[in-house]
């Protein structure tokens, strides 16, 4: 299963160090992740230790998010989806903790139901398909973000490509997004959350940057209401340096890099 993953791809940069921690000889994905979690003191919002357990441990009729919130146990199947979910827990534990707390609270308030409701829906999208775009607190970075939000793709991703790695850093978070990228397609698109960072952030080493993101985003989630309006779309293979053939024609493909919809008055 894991041999399907091309770890040289840039979209796995955020979880590659977590992968290096796991035990590839473990009998199951859960066992491998538990070995990787050793020494990290992962906790859920209630302060309970996070452990990766077999899916069969999830009681019938109890929601997945409720079970994690009540026990700290993360039901884990032997598949890529749950494997990447575990790696994200090892990488961004505070964000995962806050998302789980939000989802569990919404379930406690409204039940599981056929519809998640706006807050839980946004949390699920974040958990499954988010990218975190860390941008420098500068006019140039704000202009790039405005271009992205306006779907001015060629300007943002081709004309301003030199800003990536200098003023802008993408970090993938969503585990379903990572799973989809095992077989990359040009149309795969992330729900992207922008995080503004001070100049000092960009001088930190990788692990300190990761910790800063984990702390900052978790604090934002604790303080603000999460809605689907928090995200802007970003085709992952369009991130500068992340895929081959990124010339002007690549970004002119309107089937992927779609213009922003404009509302028309009736």
C-alpha atoms as a PDB file:
ATOM      1  CA  UNK A   1       0.000   0.000   0.000  1.00  0.00           C
ATOM      2  CA  UNK A   2       2.575   2.585   1.076  1.00  0.00           C
ATOM      3  CA  UNK A   3       4.728   1.842  -1.958  1.00  0.00           C
ATOM      4  CA  UNK A   4       2.153   3.771  -4.013  1.00  0.00           C
ATOM      5  CA  UNK A   5       3.296   7.042  -2.428  1.00  0.00           C
ATOM      6  CA  UNK A   6       5.926   9.099  -4.236  1.00  0.00           C
ATOM      7  CA  UNK A   7       7.645  10.795  -1.298  1.00  0.00           C
ATOM      8  CA  UNK A   8       9.710  13.002  -3.632  1.00  0.00           C
ATOM      9  CA  UNK A   9       6.600  15.044  -4.425  1.00  0.00           C
ATOM     10  CA  UNK A  10       6.500  18.480  -2.823  1.00  0.00           C
ATOM     11  CA  UNK A  11       2.894  18.092  -1.684  1.00  0.00           C
ATOM     12  CA  UNK A  12       4.075  15.577   0.926  1.00  0.00           C
ATOM     13  CA  UNK A  13       6.647  17.957   2.445  1.00  0.00           C
ATOM     14  CA  UNK A  14       4.408  18.707   5.426  1.00  0.00           C
ATOM     15  CA  UNK A  15       4.053  15.068   6.560  1.00  0.00           C
ATOM     16  CA  UNK A  16       7.311  13.539   5.324  1.00  0.00           C
ATOM     17  CA  UNK A  17       9.066  13.956   8.725  1.00  0.00           C
ATOM     18  CA  UNK A  18       6.117  12.218  10.431  1.00  0.00           C
ATOM     19  CA  UNK A  19       6.442   9.347   7.973  1.00  0.00           C
ATOM     20  CA  UNK A  20      10.106   9.039   8.958  1.00  0.00           C
ATOM     21  CA  UNK A  21       8.988   8.468  12.590  1.00  0.00           C
ATOM     22  CA  UNK A  22       6.655   5.534  11.988  1.00  0.00           C
ATOM     23  CA  UNK A  23       7.457   1.830  12.152  1.00  0.00           C
ATOM     24  CA  UNK A  24       7.185   0.488   8.608  1.00  0.00           C
ATOM     25  CA  UNK A  25       7.453  -3.081   9.924  1.00  0.00           C
ATOM     26  CA  UNK A  26       4.426  -2.779  12.216  1.00  0.00           C
ATOM     27  CA  UNK A  27       1.546  -5.169  11.674  1.00  0.00           C
ATOM     28  CA  UNK A  28      -1.064  -2.505  10.923  1.00  0.00           C
ATOM     29  CA  UNK A  29      -1.378   1.179  10.045  1.00  0.00           C
ATOM     30  CA  UNK A  30      -2.517   1.871  13.605  1.00  0.00           C
ATOM     31  CA  UNK A  31       0.507   0.132  15.110  1.00  0.00           C
ATOM     32  CA  UNK A  32       2.846   2.012  12.775  1.00  0.00           C
ATOM     33  CA  UNK A  33       1.292   5.351  13.732  1.00  0.00           C
ATOM     34  CA  UNK A  34       1.381   4.566  17.445  1.00  0.00           C
ATOM     35  CA  UNK A  35       5.116   3.890  17.118  1.00  0.00           C
ATOM     36  CA  UNK A  36       5.502   7.260  15.382  1.00  0.00           C
ATOM     37  CA  UNK A  37       3.480   8.999  18.064  1.00  0.00           C
ATOM     38  CA  UNK A  38       5.696   7.683  20.871  1.00  0.00           C
ATOM     39  CA  UNK A  39       7.288  10.588  22.696  1.00  0.00           C
ATOM     40  CA  UNK A  40       5.035  13.257  21.131  1.00  0.00           C
ATOM     41  CA  UNK A  41       2.451  13.209  23.952  1.00  0.00           C
ATOM     42  CA  UNK A  42      -0.477  13.670  21.571  1.00  0.00           C
ATOM     43  CA  UNK A  43      -3.685  14.644  23.376  1.00  0.00           C
ATOM     44  CA  UNK A  44      -7.281  15.331  22.436  1.00  0.00           C
ATOM     45  CA  UNK A  45      -9.192  18.402  23.635  1.00  0.00           C
ATOM     46  CA  UNK A  46     -10.076  16.642  26.898  1.00  0.00           C
ATOM     47  CA  UNK A  47      -6.407  15.967  27.605  1.00  0.00           C
ATOM     48  CA  UNK A  48      -6.665  12.245  26.902  1.00  0.00           C
ATOM     49  CA  UNK A  49      -3.745  10.544  25.119  1.00  0.00           C
ATOM     50  CA  UNK A  50      -4.346  10.018  21.409  1.00  0.00           C
ATOM     51  CA  UNK A  51      -3.994   6.397  20.263  1.00  0.00           C
ATOM     52  CA  UNK A  52      -4.703   4.813  16.896  1.00  0.00           C
ATOM     53  CA  UNK A  53      -6.994   1.820  17.334  1.00  0.00           C
ATOM     54  CA  UNK A  54      -8.720  -0.653  14.988  1.00  0.00           C
ATOM     55  CA  UNK A  55     -11.892   0.563  13.300  1.00  0.00           C
ATOM     56  CA  UNK A  56     -13.731  -2.265  15.076  1.00  0.00           C
ATOM     57  CA  UNK A  57     -13.172  -0.459  18.403  1.00  0.00           C
ATOM     58  CA  UNK A  58     -15.680   2.228  17.335  1.00  0.00           C
ATOM     59  CA  UNK A  59     -18.980   1.302  19.043  1.00  0.00           C
ATOM     60  CA  UNK A  60     -21.974   0.924  16.783  1.00  0.00           C
ATOM     61  CA  UNK A  61     -24.113   4.057  16.764  1.00  0.00           C
ATOM     62  CA  UNK A  62     -21.372   6.342  18.085  1.00  0.00           C
ATOM     63  CA  UNK A  63     -20.018   9.000  15.726  1.00  0.00           C
ATOM     64  CA  UNK A  64     -16.325   8.842  14.859  1.00  0.00           C
ATOM     65  CA  UNK A  65     -15.651  12.390  16.114  1.00  0.00           C
ATOM     66  CA  UNK A  66     -17.524  11.764  19.375  1.00  0.00           C
ATOM     67  CA  UNK A  67     -15.481   8.630  20.035  1.00  0.00           C
ATOM     68  CA  UNK A  68     -12.186  10.498  19.571  1.00  0.00           C
ATOM     69  CA  UNK A  69     -13.393  13.323  21.802  1.00  0.00           C
ATOM     70  CA  UNK A  70     -14.548  10.943  24.552  1.00  0.00           C
ATOM     71  CA  UNK A  71     -11.662   8.467  24.505  1.00  0.00           C
ATOM     72  CA  UNK A  72      -8.685   9.890  22.598  1.00  0.00           C
ATOM     73  CA  UNK A  73      -8.836   6.794  20.384  1.00  0.00           C
ATOM     74  CA  UNK A  74      -8.718   7.348  16.618  1.00  0.00           C
ATOM     75  CA  UNK A  75     -10.347   4.459  14.688  1.00  0.00           C
ATOM     76  CA  UNK A  76      -7.881   3.534  11.963  1.00  0.00           C
ATOM     77  CA  UNK A  77      -8.251   1.247   8.963  1.00  0.00           C
ATOM     78  CA  UNK A  78      -5.431  -0.248   6.941  1.00  0.00           C
ATOM     79  CA  UNK A  79      -5.771   2.157   4.043  1.00  0.00           C
ATOM     80  CA  UNK A  80      -4.099   5.283   2.687  1.00  0.00           C
ATOM     81  CA  UNK A  81      -6.895   7.584   3.835  1.00  0.00           C
ATOM     82  CA  UNK A  82      -6.440   6.716   7.510  1.00  0.00           C
ATOM     83  CA  UNK A  83      -2.672   6.501   7.123  1.00  0.00           C
ATOM     84  CA  UNK A  84      -2.471  10.129   5.994  1.00  0.00           C
ATOM     85  CA  UNK A  85      -4.939  11.112   8.718  1.00  0.00           C
ATOM     86  CA  UNK A  86      -2.540   9.692  11.285  1.00  0.00           C
ATOM     87  CA  UNK A  87       0.440  11.494   9.775  1.00  0.00           C
ATOM     88  CA  UNK A  88      -1.451  14.782  10.058  1.00  0.00           C
ATOM     89  CA  UNK A  89      -2.157  14.038  13.739  1.00  0.00           C
ATOM     90  CA  UNK A  90       1.600  13.573  14.197  1.00  0.00           C
ATOM     91  CA  UNK A  91       2.347  16.816  12.338  1.00  0.00           C
ATOM     92  CA  UNK A  92      -0.371  19.255  13.427  1.00  0.00           C
ATOM     93  CA  UNK A  93      -1.793  17.821  16.673  1.00  0.00           C
ATOM     94  CA  UNK A  94      -3.200  21.090  18.004  1.00  0.00           C
ATOM     95  CA  UNK A  95      -5.153  21.810  14.819  1.00  0.00           C
ATOM     96  CA  UNK A  96      -6.487  18.248  14.749  1.00  0.00           C
ATOM     97  CA  UNK A  97      -7.457  18.573  18.405  1.00  0.00           C
ATOM     98  CA  UNK A  98      -9.421  21.770  17.767  1.00  0.00           C
ATOM     99  CA  UNK A  99     -11.173  20.376  14.683  1.00  0.00           C
ATOM    100  CA  UNK A 100     -12.196  17.261  16.586  1.00  0.00           C
ATOM    101  CA  UNK A 101     -13.473  19.346  19.497  1.00  0.00           C
ATOM    102  CA  UNK A 102     -15.514  21.495  17.120  1.00  0.00           C
ATOM    103  CA  UNK A 103     -17.004  18.496  15.336  1.00  0.00           C
ATOM    104  CA  UNK A 104     -17.798  16.668  18.579  1.00  0.00           C
ATOM    105  CA  UNK A 105     -19.440  19.773  20.036  1.00  0.00           C
ATOM    106  CA  UNK A 106     -21.613  20.204  16.949  1.00  0.00           C
ATOM    107  CA  UNK A 107     -22.706  16.555  17.120  1.00  0.00           C
ATOM    108  CA  UNK A 108     -23.536  16.940  20.813  1.00  0.00           C
ATOM    109  CA  UNK A 109     -25.590  20.034  19.985  1.00  0.00           C
ATOM    110  CA  UNK A 110     -27.467  18.843  16.910  1.00  0.00           C
ATOM    111  CA  UNK A 111     -26.879  15.092  16.629  1.00  0.00           C
ATOM    112  CA  UNK A 112     -25.421  13.332  13.615  1.00  0.00           C
ATOM    113  CA  UNK A 113     -28.364  13.867  11.273  1.00  0.00           C
ATOM    114  CA  UNK A 114     -28.424  13.790   7.489  1.00  0.00           C
ATOM    115  CA  UNK A 115     -26.875  17.248   7.263  1.00  0.00           C
ATOM    116  CA  UNK A 116     -23.728  18.283   9.131  1.00  0.00           C
ATOM    117  CA  UNK A 117     -24.666  21.949   9.469  1.00  0.00           C
ATOM    118  CA  UNK A 118     -22.398  24.833   8.423  1.00  0.00           C
ATOM    119  CA  UNK A 119     -19.824  24.675  11.233  1.00  0.00           C
ATOM    120  CA  UNK A 120     -19.358  20.918  11.133  1.00  0.00           C
ATOM    121  CA  UNK A 121     -19.348  20.972   7.329  1.00  0.00           C
ATOM    122  CA  UNK A 122     -16.535  23.551   7.336  1.00  0.00           C
ATOM    123  CA  UNK A 123     -14.579  21.542   9.906  1.00  0.00           C
ATOM    124  CA  UNK A 124     -14.922  18.392   7.801  1.00  0.00           C
ATOM    125  CA  UNK A 125     -13.761  20.210   4.660  1.00  0.00           C
ATOM    126  CA  UNK A 126     -10.789  21.575   6.606  1.00  0.00           C
ATOM    127  CA  UNK A 127      -9.918  18.146   7.978  1.00  0.00           C
ATOM    128  CA  UNK A 128     -10.247  16.347   4.643  1.00  0.00           C
ATOM    129  CA  UNK A 129      -9.165  18.793   1.954  1.00  0.00           C
ATOM    130  CA  UNK A 130      -7.392  21.846   3.363  1.00  0.00           C
ATOM    131  CA  UNK A 131      -4.128  23.455   2.418  1.00  0.00           C
ATOM    132  CA  UNK A 132      -2.573  26.107   4.639  1.00  0.00           C
ATOM    133  CA  UNK A 133      -1.069  29.044   2.780  1.00  0.00           C
ATOM    134  CA  UNK A 134       1.331  30.931   5.038  1.00  0.00           C
ATOM    135  CA  UNK A 135       1.955  34.430   3.664  1.00  0.00           C
ATOM    136  CA  UNK A 136       4.275  37.191   4.779  1.00  0.00           C
ATOM    137  CA  UNK A 137       2.637  40.244   6.328  1.00  0.00           C
ATOM    138  CA  UNK A 138       3.538  42.458   3.387  1.00  0.00           C
ATOM    139  CA  UNK A 139       1.878  44.345   0.544  1.00  0.00           C
ATOM    140  CA  UNK A 140       3.367  42.027  -2.086  1.00  0.00           C
ATOM    141  CA  UNK A 141       2.029  38.906  -0.368  1.00  0.00           C
ATOM    142  CA  UNK A 142      -1.414  40.473   0.069  1.00  0.00           C
ATOM    143  CA  UNK A 143      -1.473  41.260  -3.646  1.00  0.00           C
ATOM    144  CA  UNK A 144      -0.723  37.623  -4.444  1.00  0.00           C
ATOM    145  CA  UNK A 145      -3.513  36.459  -2.123  1.00  0.00           C
ATOM    146  CA  UNK A 146      -5.922  38.935  -3.742  1.00  0.00           C
ATOM    147  CA  UNK A 147      -4.994  37.491  -7.148  1.00  0.00           C
ATOM    148  CA  UNK A 148      -5.678  33.954  -5.884  1.00  0.00           C
ATOM    149  CA  UNK A 149      -9.013  34.924  -4.403  1.00  0.00           C
ATOM    150  CA  UNK A 150      -9.898  36.658  -7.637  1.00  0.00           C
ATOM    151  CA  UNK A 151      -8.933  33.531  -9.611  1.00  0.00           C
ATOM    152  CA  UNK A 152      -6.337  35.514 -11.520  1.00  0.00           C
ATOM    153  CA  UNK A 153      -4.359  32.313 -11.798  1.00  0.00           C
ATOM    154  CA  UNK A 154      -1.697  33.319 -14.305  1.00  0.00           C
ATOM    155  CA  UNK A 155      -0.850  36.434 -12.297  1.00  0.00           C
ATOM    156  CA  UNK A 156      -0.780  34.623  -8.928  1.00  0.00           C
ATOM    157  CA  UNK A 157       0.903  31.352  -9.878  1.00  0.00           C
ATOM    158  CA  UNK A 158       2.963  32.215 -12.947  1.00  0.00           C
ATOM    159  CA  UNK A 159       3.671  35.938 -12.838  1.00  0.00           C
ATOM    160  CA  UNK A 160       4.322  35.906  -9.083  1.00  0.00           C
ATOM    161  CA  UNK A 161       5.900  32.446  -8.863  1.00  0.00           C
ATOM    162  CA  UNK A 162       9.150  33.900  -7.458  1.00  0.00           C
ATOM    163  CA  UNK A 163       7.277  34.821  -4.261  1.00  0.00           C
ATOM    164  CA  UNK A 164       6.663  31.164  -3.403  1.00  0.00           C
ATOM    165  CA  UNK A 165       9.202  30.034  -0.846  1.00  0.00           C
ATOM    166  CA  UNK A 166      10.050  33.674  -0.075  1.00  0.00           C
ATOM    167  CA  UNK A 167       6.771  35.382   0.828  1.00  0.00           C
ATOM    168  CA  UNK A 168       4.413  32.420   0.501  1.00  0.00           C
ATOM    169  CA  UNK A 169       4.543  28.822   1.764  1.00  0.00           C
ATOM    170  CA  UNK A 170       1.919  26.149   1.046  1.00  0.00           C
ATOM    171  CA  UNK A 171       1.523  23.311   3.577  1.00  0.00           C
ATOM    172  CA  UNK A 172      -0.950  20.535   2.837  1.00  0.00           C
ATOM    173  CA  UNK A 173      -3.187  19.480   5.719  1.00  0.00           C
ATOM    174  CA  UNK A 174      -6.170  17.510   4.406  1.00  0.00           C
ATOM    175  CA  UNK A 175      -5.639  13.764   4.525  1.00  0.00           C
ATOM    176  CA  UNK A 176      -8.172  13.004   1.769  1.00  0.00           C
ATOM    177  CA  UNK A 177      -6.347  15.553  -0.375  1.00  0.00           C
ATOM    178  CA  UNK A 178      -3.060  13.751   0.221  1.00  0.00           C
ATOM    179  CA  UNK A 179      -4.692  10.439  -0.654  1.00  0.00           C
ATOM    180  CA  UNK A 180      -6.000  11.823  -3.955  1.00  0.00           C
ATOM    181  CA  UNK A 181      -2.528  13.088  -4.830  1.00  0.00           C
ATOM    182  CA  UNK A 182      -1.116   9.555  -4.741  1.00  0.00           C
ATOM    183  CA  UNK A 183      -2.454   9.514  -8.330  1.00  0.00           C
ATOM    184  CA  UNK A 184      -2.027  13.200  -9.224  1.00  0.00           C
ATOM    185  CA  UNK A 185      -4.461  14.871 -11.593  1.00  0.00           C
ATOM    186  CA  UNK A 186      -4.332  18.476 -12.697  1.00  0.00           C
ATOM    187  CA  UNK A 187      -7.853  19.194 -11.471  1.00  0.00           C
ATOM    188  CA  UNK A 188      -7.228  18.241  -7.803  1.00  0.00           C
ATOM    189  CA  UNK A 189      -8.045  21.371  -5.824  1.00  0.00           C
ATOM    190  CA  UNK A 190      -7.490  22.257  -2.181  1.00  0.00           C
ATOM    191  CA  UNK A 191      -9.690  24.347   0.074  1.00  0.00           C
ATOM    192  CA  UNK A 192      -7.045  26.843   1.133  1.00  0.00           C
ATOM    193  CA  UNK A 193      -6.866  28.835   4.343  1.00  0.00           C
ATOM    194  CA  UNK A 194      -4.561  31.852   4.390  1.00  0.00           C
ATOM    195  CA  UNK A 195      -2.426  32.439   7.503  1.00  0.00           C
ATOM    196  CA  UNK A 196      -0.580  35.742   7.772  1.00  0.00           C
ATOM    197  CA  UNK A 197       2.848  35.410   9.409  1.00  0.00           C
ATOM    198  CA  UNK A 198       5.450  37.945  10.557  1.00  0.00           C
ATOM    199  CA  UNK A 199       8.880  38.238   8.953  1.00  0.00           C
ATOM    200  CA  UNK A 200      10.391  36.301  11.869  1.00  0.00           C
ATOM    201  CA  UNK A 201       8.447  33.183  10.861  1.00  0.00           C
ATOM    202  CA  UNK A 202      10.296  32.913   7.544  1.00  0.00           C
ATOM    203  CA  UNK A 203      13.666  32.802   9.353  1.00  0.00           C
ATOM    204  CA  UNK A 204      12.661  29.747  11.428  1.00  0.00           C
ATOM    205  CA  UNK A 205      13.706  26.181  10.647  1.00  0.00           C
ATOM    206  CA  UNK A 206      11.157  23.682   9.337  1.00  0.00           C
ATOM    207  CA  UNK A 207      10.108  22.258  12.690  1.00  0.00           C
ATOM    208  CA  UNK A 208       9.731  25.667  14.294  1.00  0.00           C
ATOM    209  CA  UNK A 209       7.602  26.791  11.347  1.00  0.00           C
ATOM    210  CA  UNK A 210       5.445  23.692  11.716  1.00  0.00           C
ATOM    211  CA  UNK A 211       4.972  24.364  15.435  1.00  0.00           C
ATOM    212  CA  UNK A 212       4.128  28.033  14.754  1.00  0.00           C
ATOM    213  CA  UNK A 213       1.476  27.058  12.214  1.00  0.00           C
ATOM    214  CA  UNK A 214       0.010  24.436  14.552  1.00  0.00           C
ATOM    215  CA  UNK A 215      -0.269  26.924  17.405  1.00  0.00           C
ATOM    216  CA  UNK A 216      -1.498  29.858  15.312  1.00  0.00           C
ATOM    217  CA  UNK A 217      -4.189  27.987  13.392  1.00  0.00           C
ATOM    218  CA  UNK A 218      -5.426  26.139  16.483  1.00  0.00           C
ATOM    219  CA  UNK A 219      -5.783  29.495  18.261  1.00  0.00           C
ATOM    220  CA  UNK A 220      -7.713  30.919  15.301  1.00  0.00           C
ATOM    221  CA  UNK A 221     -10.069  27.937  15.315  1.00  0.00           C
ATOM    222  CA  UNK A 222     -10.663  28.334  19.038  1.00  0.00           C
ATOM    223  CA  UNK A 223     -11.400  32.050  18.715  1.00  0.00           C
ATOM    224  CA  UNK A 224     -13.420  32.328  15.499  1.00  0.00           C
ATOM    225  CA  UNK A 225     -16.367  30.634  13.857  1.00  0.00           C
ATOM    226  CA  UNK A 226     -15.236  28.349  11.042  1.00  0.00           C
ATOM    227  CA  UNK A 227     -17.287  28.584   7.856  1.00  0.00           C
ATOM    228  CA  UNK A 228     -16.809  27.481   4.265  1.00  0.00           C
ATOM    229  CA  UNK A 229     -16.185  31.158   3.442  1.00  0.00           C
ATOM    230  CA  UNK A 230     -12.836  30.705   5.228  1.00  0.00           C
ATOM    231  CA  UNK A 231     -11.426  28.909   2.175  1.00  0.00           C
ATOM    232  CA  UNK A 232     -10.260  29.852  -1.301  1.00  0.00           C
ATOM    233  CA  UNK A 233      -9.696  27.212  -4.011  1.00  0.00           C
ATOM    234  CA  UNK A 234      -6.186  26.347  -5.171  1.00  0.00           C
ATOM    235  CA  UNK A 235      -5.373  23.671  -7.792  1.00  0.00           C
ATOM    236  CA  UNK A 236      -2.500  21.870  -6.075  1.00  0.00           C
ATOM    237  CA  UNK A 237      -0.527  20.983  -9.203  1.00  0.00           C
ATOM    238  CA  UNK A 238      -0.488  24.682 -10.061  1.00  0.00           C
ATOM    239  CA  UNK A 239       1.616  25.609  -7.016  1.00  0.00           C
ATOM    240  CA  UNK A 240       4.920  26.843  -8.485  1.00  0.00           C
ATOM    241  CA  UNK A 241       7.597  24.144  -8.498  1.00  0.00           C
ATOM    242  CA  UNK A 242       5.193  21.368  -7.525  1.00  0.00           C
ATOM    243  CA  UNK A 243       4.583  19.875 -10.967  1.00  0.00           C
ATOM    244  CA  UNK A 244       6.070  19.637 -14.418  1.00  0.00           C
ATOM    245  CA  UNK A 245       5.354  21.871 -17.400  1.00  0.00           C
ATOM    246  CA  UNK A 246       4.123  24.944 -15.551  1.00  0.00           C
ATOM    247  CA  UNK A 247       4.309  27.378 -18.460  1.00  0.00           C
ATOM    248  CA  UNK A 248       1.764  29.970 -19.541  1.00  0.00           C
ATOM    249  CA  UNK A 249      -0.318  27.378 -21.402  1.00  0.00           C
ATOM    250  CA  UNK A 250      -0.484  25.214 -18.275  1.00  0.00           C
ATOM    251  CA  UNK A 251      -2.280  28.001 -16.386  1.00  0.00           C
ATOM    252  CA  UNK A 252      -4.444  28.949 -19.380  1.00  0.00           C
ATOM    253  CA  UNK A 253      -6.353  25.661 -19.011  1.00  0.00           C
ATOM    254  CA  UNK A 254      -9.755  27.060 -18.008  1.00  0.00           C
ATOM    255  CA  UNK A 255     -11.124  23.583 -17.236  1.00  0.00           C
ATOM    256  CA  UNK A 256      -8.859  23.608 -14.147  1.00  0.00           C
ATOM    257  CA  UNK A 257      -7.948  27.260 -13.583  1.00  0.00           C
ATOM    258  CA  UNK A 258     -11.481  28.525 -13.800  1.00  0.00           C
ATOM    259  CA  UNK A 259     -12.425  32.197 -13.820  1.00  0.00           C
ATOM    260  CA  UNK A 260     -14.240  33.523 -10.778  1.00  0.00           C
ATOM    261  CA  UNK A 261     -17.982  33.414 -11.047  1.00  0.00           C
ATOM    262  CA  UNK A 262     -19.685  36.770 -11.055  1.00  0.00           C
ATOM    263  CA  UNK A 263     -23.234  37.268  -9.920  1.00  0.00           C
ATOM    264  CA  UNK A 264     -25.565  38.926 -12.381  1.00  0.00           C
ATOM    265  CA  UNK A 265     -28.543  41.025 -11.456  1.00  0.00           C
ATOM    266  CA  UNK A 266     -31.874  39.796 -12.786  1.00  0.00           C
END
